[in-house]
């Protein structure tokens, strides 16, 4: 049986962050965010977090349609903050919102925008 990396003594000697009590991948996974989004000075921190959360939802569901209240609860912010971040992402071309009608959540089409320097 193959040992976990964290169980190897050489690895333990080199660690500067210790994850205790869980395997981070099986405990909820992770989300990769494009560096060109993170380094985009036109986007606020809230917009970047909202995009990352939308990516996280998309990896779990293949489609992205969470409610803004739910996103706010997951991120720890208000629905108006989520709404402004979504408008910002839409304005900068990172996101397209498809409205599905009254009482239904929107569908969010995530885009990756790479601008030439």
C-alpha atoms as a PDB file:
ATOM      1  CA  UNK A   1       0.000   0.000   0.000  1.00  0.00           C
ATOM      2  CA  UNK A   2       1.240   3.441  -0.912  1.00  0.00           C
ATOM      3  CA  UNK A   3       1.937   5.842   1.992  1.00  0.00           C
ATOM      4  CA  UNK A   4       0.441   9.301   2.152  1.00  0.00           C
ATOM      5  CA  UNK A   5       2.934  12.045   1.468  1.00  0.00           C
ATOM      6  CA  UNK A   6       2.148  13.599   4.847  1.00  0.00           C
ATOM      7  CA  UNK A   7       3.136  10.338   6.602  1.00  0.00           C
ATOM      8  CA  UNK A   8       6.679  10.349   5.212  1.00  0.00           C
ATOM      9  CA  UNK A   9       9.229  11.611   7.753  1.00  0.00           C
ATOM     10  CA  UNK A  10      11.211  13.580   5.136  1.00  0.00           C
ATOM     11  CA  UNK A  11       8.058  15.436   4.136  1.00  0.00           C
ATOM     12  CA  UNK A  12       7.133  16.140   7.765  1.00  0.00           C
ATOM     13  CA  UNK A  13      10.560  17.721   8.377  1.00  0.00           C
ATOM     14  CA  UNK A  14      10.031  20.138   5.453  1.00  0.00           C
ATOM     15  CA  UNK A  15       6.461  21.191   6.264  1.00  0.00           C
ATOM     16  CA  UNK A  16       5.733  24.757   7.239  1.00  0.00           C
ATOM     17  CA  UNK A  17       1.945  24.340   7.182  1.00  0.00           C
ATOM     18  CA  UNK A  18       0.364  21.417   8.980  1.00  0.00           C
ATOM     19  CA  UNK A  19      -3.081  20.145   8.020  1.00  0.00           C
ATOM     20  CA  UNK A  20      -4.278  18.144  10.957  1.00  0.00           C
ATOM     21  CA  UNK A  21      -7.266  15.828  11.042  1.00  0.00           C
ATOM     22  CA  UNK A  22      -8.350  15.786   7.417  1.00  0.00           C
ATOM     23  CA  UNK A  23      -7.310  15.149   3.859  1.00  0.00           C
ATOM     24  CA  UNK A  24      -7.919  18.527   2.137  1.00  0.00           C
ATOM     25  CA  UNK A  25      -8.851  16.996  -1.206  1.00  0.00           C
ATOM     26  CA  UNK A  26     -11.445  14.573   0.096  1.00  0.00           C
ATOM     27  CA  UNK A  27     -12.691  17.117   2.658  1.00  0.00           C
ATOM     28  CA  UNK A  28     -14.048  19.444   0.017  1.00  0.00           C
ATOM     29  CA  UNK A  29     -11.682  19.639  -2.888  1.00  0.00           C
ATOM     30  CA  UNK A  30     -10.137  22.776  -4.296  1.00  0.00           C
ATOM     31  CA  UNK A  31     -10.759  25.267  -7.054  1.00  0.00           C
ATOM     32  CA  UNK A  32      -8.184  26.535  -9.505  1.00  0.00           C
ATOM     33  CA  UNK A  33      -8.548  30.181 -10.428  1.00  0.00           C
ATOM     34  CA  UNK A  34      -6.801  31.579 -13.515  1.00  0.00           C
ATOM     35  CA  UNK A  35      -3.789  33.721 -12.581  1.00  0.00           C
ATOM     36  CA  UNK A  36      -4.741  36.298 -15.197  1.00  0.00           C
ATOM     37  CA  UNK A  37      -7.986  36.811 -13.250  1.00  0.00           C
ATOM     38  CA  UNK A  38      -6.175  37.095  -9.910  1.00  0.00           C
ATOM     39  CA  UNK A  39      -3.711  39.610 -11.326  1.00  0.00           C
ATOM     40  CA  UNK A  40      -6.338  41.689 -13.136  1.00  0.00           C
ATOM     41  CA  UNK A  41      -6.192  45.185 -11.590  1.00  0.00           C
ATOM     42  CA  UNK A  42      -9.606  46.072 -13.052  1.00  0.00           C
ATOM     43  CA  UNK A  43     -11.385  43.506 -10.863  1.00  0.00           C
ATOM     44  CA  UNK A  44     -12.138  44.005  -7.190  1.00  0.00           C
ATOM     45  CA  UNK A  45     -11.308  41.374  -4.600  1.00  0.00           C
ATOM     46  CA  UNK A  46     -15.030  40.640  -4.258  1.00  0.00           C
ATOM     47  CA  UNK A  47     -15.354  39.982  -7.997  1.00  0.00           C
ATOM     48  CA  UNK A  48     -12.394  37.597  -7.902  1.00  0.00           C
ATOM     49  CA  UNK A  49     -13.855  35.672  -4.951  1.00  0.00           C
ATOM     50  CA  UNK A  50     -17.278  35.473  -6.609  1.00  0.00           C
ATOM     51  CA  UNK A  51     -15.691  34.143  -9.823  1.00  0.00           C
ATOM     52  CA  UNK A  52     -13.763  31.544  -7.782  1.00  0.00           C
ATOM     53  CA  UNK A  53     -16.967  30.498  -6.009  1.00  0.00           C
ATOM     54  CA  UNK A  54     -18.801  30.185  -9.330  1.00  0.00           C
ATOM     55  CA  UNK A  55     -15.957  27.986 -10.594  1.00  0.00           C
ATOM     56  CA  UNK A  56     -16.278  25.875  -7.469  1.00  0.00           C
ATOM     57  CA  UNK A  57     -20.007  25.396  -8.044  1.00  0.00           C
ATOM     58  CA  UNK A  58     -19.405  24.604 -11.725  1.00  0.00           C
ATOM     59  CA  UNK A  59     -16.922  21.810 -10.970  1.00  0.00           C
ATOM     60  CA  UNK A  60     -19.507  20.168  -8.741  1.00  0.00           C
ATOM     61  CA  UNK A  61     -22.512  20.580 -11.001  1.00  0.00           C
ATOM     62  CA  UNK A  62     -21.271  21.179 -14.583  1.00  0.00           C
ATOM     63  CA  UNK A  63     -23.724  24.086 -14.668  1.00  0.00           C
ATOM     64  CA  UNK A  64     -23.661  27.191 -12.546  1.00  0.00           C
ATOM     65  CA  UNK A  65     -26.943  28.459 -11.173  1.00  0.00           C
ATOM     66  CA  UNK A  66     -26.632  29.223  -7.461  1.00  0.00           C
ATOM     67  CA  UNK A  67     -28.753  31.954  -5.953  1.00  0.00           C
ATOM     68  CA  UNK A  68     -27.015  35.159  -4.932  1.00  0.00           C
ATOM     69  CA  UNK A  69     -28.190  34.744  -1.331  1.00  0.00           C
ATOM     70  CA  UNK A  70     -26.611  31.263  -1.225  1.00  0.00           C
ATOM     71  CA  UNK A  71     -23.349  32.627  -2.676  1.00  0.00           C
ATOM     72  CA  UNK A  72     -23.357  35.385  -0.082  1.00  0.00           C
ATOM     73  CA  UNK A  73     -23.815  32.845   2.709  1.00  0.00           C
ATOM     74  CA  UNK A  74     -21.034  30.623   1.334  1.00  0.00           C
ATOM     75  CA  UNK A  75     -18.618  33.550   0.947  1.00  0.00           C
ATOM     76  CA  UNK A  76     -19.676  35.418   4.068  1.00  0.00           C
ATOM     77  CA  UNK A  77     -20.980  38.583   2.474  1.00  0.00           C
ATOM     78  CA  UNK A  78     -24.280  40.190   1.507  1.00  0.00           C
ATOM     79  CA  UNK A  79     -26.433  39.624  -1.560  1.00  0.00           C
ATOM     80  CA  UNK A  80     -25.936  43.238  -2.752  1.00  0.00           C
ATOM     81  CA  UNK A  81     -22.145  42.706  -2.656  1.00  0.00           C
ATOM     82  CA  UNK A  82     -22.554  39.517  -4.714  1.00  0.00           C
ATOM     83  CA  UNK A  83     -24.788  41.384  -7.175  1.00  0.00           C
ATOM     84  CA  UNK A  84     -22.222  44.184  -7.650  1.00  0.00           C
ATOM     85  CA  UNK A  85     -19.409  41.643  -8.148  1.00  0.00           C
ATOM     86  CA  UNK A  86     -21.456  39.793 -10.768  1.00  0.00           C
ATOM     87  CA  UNK A  87     -22.158  43.059 -12.608  1.00  0.00           C
ATOM     88  CA  UNK A  88     -18.432  43.851 -12.513  1.00  0.00           C
ATOM     89  CA  UNK A  89     -17.506  40.425 -13.912  1.00  0.00           C
ATOM     90  CA  UNK A  90     -20.158  40.770 -16.600  1.00  0.00           C
ATOM     91  CA  UNK A  91     -18.935  44.260 -17.561  1.00  0.00           C
ATOM     92  CA  UNK A  92     -15.319  43.036 -17.855  1.00  0.00           C
ATOM     93  CA  UNK A  93     -16.337  40.023 -19.992  1.00  0.00           C
ATOM     94  CA  UNK A  94     -15.649  37.259 -17.453  1.00  0.00           C
ATOM     95  CA  UNK A  95     -19.253  36.252 -17.073  1.00  0.00           C
ATOM     96  CA  UNK A  96     -22.521  36.130 -18.988  1.00  0.00           C
ATOM     97  CA  UNK A  97     -25.770  35.985 -17.051  1.00  0.00           C
ATOM     98  CA  UNK A  98     -28.773  34.177 -18.488  1.00  0.00           C
ATOM     99  CA  UNK A  99     -31.912  35.120 -16.636  1.00  0.00           C
ATOM    100  CA  UNK A 100     -34.424  32.286 -16.365  1.00  0.00           C
ATOM    101  CA  UNK A 101     -37.446  34.181 -15.131  1.00  0.00           C
ATOM    102  CA  UNK A 102     -39.223  35.085 -11.952  1.00  0.00           C
ATOM    103  CA  UNK A 103     -38.540  32.815  -8.988  1.00  0.00           C
ATOM    104  CA  UNK A 104     -35.678  30.999 -10.721  1.00  0.00           C
ATOM    105  CA  UNK A 105     -31.964  31.487 -10.237  1.00  0.00           C
ATOM    106  CA  UNK A 106     -29.837  32.798 -13.085  1.00  0.00           C
ATOM    107  CA  UNK A 107     -27.483  30.641 -15.125  1.00  0.00           C
ATOM    108  CA  UNK A 108     -23.917  31.966 -15.143  1.00  0.00           C
ATOM    109  CA  UNK A 109     -21.696  31.304 -18.158  1.00  0.00           C
ATOM    110  CA  UNK A 110     -18.092  31.589 -17.015  1.00  0.00           C
ATOM    111  CA  UNK A 111     -15.567  32.913 -19.482  1.00  0.00           C
ATOM    112  CA  UNK A 112     -11.815  33.143 -19.341  1.00  0.00           C
ATOM    113  CA  UNK A 113     -10.625  36.467 -20.661  1.00  0.00           C
ATOM    114  CA  UNK A 114      -7.012  36.775 -21.760  1.00  0.00           C
ATOM    115  CA  UNK A 115      -6.109  40.184 -23.067  1.00  0.00           C
ATOM    116  CA  UNK A 116      -2.969  40.773 -25.084  1.00  0.00           C
ATOM    117  CA  UNK A 117      -0.560  43.242 -23.556  1.00  0.00           C
END
